[in-house]
Amino acid sequence: MSDPQIEQKISRNVRRSVGIAVLRRLRRMVDAETEQEAKKSALATRLAWAFALAAVAAVLWIAFR
């Protein structure tokens, strides 16, 4: 092989390696974002249940007072 062919092959392999690393990093970022959204959703659900129970307790307290 001539020198330009070797350089071309090395360049192609480097770009491939860098591209794969970038895709892995993006995937980790997406996974972290998805996990954070799931945690927010769970917290919102718990808060909604807590407010609903507080509302029911308030109505029962007013009704039976």
N, C-alpha and C. Protein backbone atom coordinates (compact mmCIF):
# COMPACT_ATOMS: atom_id res chain seq x y z
N MET A 1 0.84 -1.18 0.00
CA MET A 1 0.00 0.00 0.00
C MET A 1 0.88 1.24 0.00
N SER A 2 0.36 2.24 -0.62
CA SER A 2 1.10 3.50 -0.63
C SER A 2 0.73 4.32 0.60
N ASP A 3 1.51 5.34 0.83
CA ASP A 3 1.33 6.18 2.02
C ASP A 3 -0.04 6.84 2.09
N PRO A 4 -0.59 7.41 1.01
CA PRO A 4 -1.92 8.02 1.08
C PRO A 4 -3.01 7.00 1.41
N GLN A 5 -2.85 5.77 0.92
CA GLN A 5 -3.85 4.74 1.22
C GLN A 5 -3.84 4.39 2.70
N ILE A 6 -2.66 4.31 3.28
CA ILE A 6 -2.55 4.00 4.70
C ILE A 6 -3.15 5.13 5.53
N GLU A 7 -2.83 6.36 5.17
CA GLU A 7 -3.38 7.51 5.89
C GLU A 7 -4.90 7.55 5.78
N GLN A 8 -5.39 7.23 4.61
CA GLN A 8 -6.84 7.21 4.39
C GLN A 8 -7.51 6.15 5.27
N LYS A 9 -6.91 4.98 5.34
CA LYS A 9 -7.46 3.90 6.16
C LYS A 9 -7.42 4.27 7.64
N ILE A 10 -6.31 4.85 8.07
CA ILE A 10 -6.19 5.28 9.48
C ILE A 10 -7.23 6.35 9.78
N SER A 11 -7.38 7.31 8.90
CA SER A 11 -8.36 8.39 9.08
C SER A 11 -9.78 7.83 9.17
N ARG A 12 -10.09 6.90 8.31
CA ARG A 12 -11.42 6.27 8.31
C ARG A 12 -11.66 5.54 9.63
N ASN A 13 -10.65 4.80 10.12
CA ASN A 13 -10.79 4.07 11.37
C ASN A 13 -10.93 5.01 12.57
N VAL A 14 -10.19 6.11 12.54
CA VAL A 14 -10.29 7.09 13.63
C VAL A 14 -11.69 7.72 13.64
N ARG A 15 -12.16 8.11 12.47
CA ARG A 15 -13.51 8.70 12.40
C ARG A 15 -14.57 7.72 12.89
N ARG A 16 -14.40 6.46 12.55
CA ARG A 16 -15.35 5.43 12.98
C ARG A 16 -15.32 5.30 14.49
N SER A 17 -14.13 5.25 15.07
CA SER A 17 -13.99 5.11 16.52
C SER A 17 -14.58 6.32 17.25
N VAL A 18 -14.29 7.50 16.74
CA VAL A 18 -14.82 8.72 17.35
C VAL A 18 -16.34 8.75 17.23
N GLY A 19 -16.84 8.37 16.08
CA GLY A 19 -18.29 8.34 15.87
C GLY A 19 -18.98 7.39 16.81
N ILE A 20 -18.42 6.23 17.01
CA ILE A 20 -18.99 5.25 17.92
C ILE A 20 -18.97 5.79 19.35
N ALA A 21 -17.88 6.43 19.74
CA ALA A 21 -17.78 7.01 21.09
C ALA A 21 -18.83 8.09 21.29
N VAL A 22 -19.05 8.91 20.28
CA VAL A 22 -20.05 9.98 20.38
C VAL A 22 -21.45 9.37 20.50
N LEU A 23 -21.74 8.35 19.72
CA LEU A 23 -23.05 7.70 19.80
C LEU A 23 -23.27 7.07 21.17
N ARG A 24 -22.24 6.46 21.74
CA ARG A 24 -22.37 5.88 23.09
C ARG A 24 -22.64 6.97 24.12
N ARG A 25 -21.93 8.08 24.00
CA ARG A 25 -22.14 9.19 24.94
C ARG A 25 -23.56 9.75 24.82
N LEU A 26 -24.03 9.92 23.60
CA LEU A 26 -25.40 10.39 23.39
C LEU A 26 -26.42 9.42 23.98
N ARG A 27 -26.16 8.13 23.83
CA ARG A 27 -27.07 7.13 24.37
C ARG A 27 -27.13 7.21 25.89
N ARG A 28 -25.96 7.40 26.53
CA ARG A 28 -25.95 7.55 27.99
C ARG A 28 -26.72 8.79 28.41
N MET A 29 -26.59 9.87 27.64
CA MET A 29 -27.31 11.10 27.96
C MET A 29 -28.82 10.89 27.84
N VAL A 30 -29.23 10.20 26.78
CA VAL A 30 -30.66 9.93 26.58
C VAL A 30 -31.19 9.04 27.69
N ASP A 31 -30.42 8.02 28.08
CA ASP A 31 -30.84 7.14 29.16
C ASP A 31 -30.98 7.90 30.47
N ALA A 32 -30.05 8.82 30.75
CA ALA A 32 -30.13 9.62 31.97
C ALA A 32 -31.36 10.53 31.95
N GLU A 33 -31.64 11.11 30.80
CA GLU A 33 -32.81 11.97 30.67
C GLU A 33 -34.10 11.18 30.87
N THR A 34 -34.15 10.00 30.29
CA THR A 34 -35.33 9.14 30.44
C THR A 34 -35.53 8.75 31.90
N GLU A 35 -34.45 8.41 32.59
CA GLU A 35 -34.53 8.04 34.00
C GLU A 35 -35.02 9.22 34.84
N GLN A 36 -34.52 10.41 34.53
CA GLN A 36 -34.94 11.60 35.27
C GLN A 36 -36.42 11.88 35.04
N GLU A 37 -36.89 11.73 33.83
CA GLU A 37 -38.31 11.94 33.54
C GLU A 37 -39.19 10.92 34.26
N ALA A 38 -38.72 9.69 34.36
CA ALA A 38 -39.48 8.66 35.08
C ALA A 38 -39.58 9.00 36.56
N LYS A 39 -38.49 9.50 37.12
CA LYS A 39 -38.51 9.91 38.54
C LYS A 39 -39.48 11.07 38.76
N LYS A 40 -39.46 12.04 37.85
CA LYS A 40 -40.39 13.17 37.96
C LYS A 40 -41.83 12.70 37.88
N SER A 41 -42.09 11.77 36.98
CA SER A 41 -43.44 11.25 36.82
C SER A 41 -43.90 10.53 38.08
N ALA A 42 -43.02 9.74 38.67
CA ALA A 42 -43.37 9.03 39.90
C ALA A 42 -43.65 10.02 41.02
N LEU A 43 -42.85 11.06 41.14
CA LEU A 43 -43.07 12.08 42.16
C LEU A 43 -44.40 12.79 41.95
N ALA A 44 -44.71 13.12 40.71
CA ALA A 44 -45.97 13.79 40.40
C ALA A 44 -47.16 12.91 40.76
N THR A 45 -47.04 11.62 40.50
CA THR A 45 -48.12 10.69 40.84
C THR A 45 -48.32 10.63 42.35
N ARG A 46 -47.21 10.54 43.10
CA ARG A 46 -47.32 10.51 44.56
C ARG A 46 -47.95 11.78 45.11
N LEU A 47 -47.54 12.92 44.56
CA LEU A 47 -48.12 14.18 45.02
C LEU A 47 -49.61 14.26 44.70
N ALA A 48 -50.00 13.79 43.54
CA ALA A 48 -51.42 13.81 43.17
C ALA A 48 -52.23 12.95 44.14
N TRP A 49 -51.72 11.77 44.47
CA TRP A 49 -52.42 10.91 45.44
C TRP A 49 -52.49 11.57 46.81
N ALA A 50 -51.42 12.21 47.23
CA ALA A 50 -51.41 12.88 48.53
C ALA A 50 -52.44 14.01 48.57
N PHE A 51 -52.52 14.82 47.53
CA PHE A 51 -53.51 15.89 47.48
C PHE A 51 -54.93 15.33 47.43
N ALA A 52 -55.14 14.26 46.69
CA ALA A 52 -56.47 13.64 46.62
C ALA A 52 -56.88 13.12 47.98
N LEU A 53 -55.98 12.45 48.68
CA LEU A 53 -56.30 11.94 50.02
C LEU A 53 -56.56 13.09 50.99
N ALA A 54 -55.79 14.15 50.90
CA ALA A 54 -56.01 15.32 51.76
C ALA A 54 -57.37 15.94 51.48
N ALA A 55 -57.75 16.01 50.21
CA ALA A 55 -59.06 16.57 49.85
C ALA A 55 -60.19 15.70 50.40
N VAL A 56 -60.06 14.39 50.26
CA VAL A 56 -61.08 13.48 50.78
C VAL A 56 -61.16 13.61 52.30
N ALA A 57 -60.02 13.68 52.96
CA ALA A 57 -60.01 13.82 54.42
C ALA A 57 -60.66 15.14 54.84
N ALA A 58 -60.41 16.20 54.10
CA ALA A 58 -61.01 17.49 54.42
C ALA A 58 -62.54 17.44 54.25
N VAL A 59 -62.99 16.83 53.17
CA VAL A 59 -64.43 16.73 52.92
C VAL A 59 -65.08 15.88 54.02
N LEU A 60 -64.46 14.77 54.38
CA LEU A 60 -65.03 13.93 55.45
C LEU A 60 -65.03 14.66 56.79
N TRP A 61 -64.00 15.40 57.06
CA TRP A 61 -63.93 16.14 58.32
C TRP A 61 -65.02 17.20 58.39
N ILE A 62 -65.24 17.90 57.26
CA ILE A 62 -66.32 18.92 57.22
C ILE A 62 -67.69 18.26 57.32
N ALA A 63 -67.85 17.12 56.65
CA ALA A 63 -69.17 16.44 56.62
C ALA A 63 -69.54 15.88 57.99
N PHE A 64 -68.60 15.38 58.75
CA PHE A 64 -68.93 14.72 60.01
C PHE A 64 -68.63 15.57 61.23
N ARG A 65 -68.45 16.81 61.08
CA ARG A 65 -68.14 17.69 62.18
C ARG A 65 -69.37 18.09 62.92
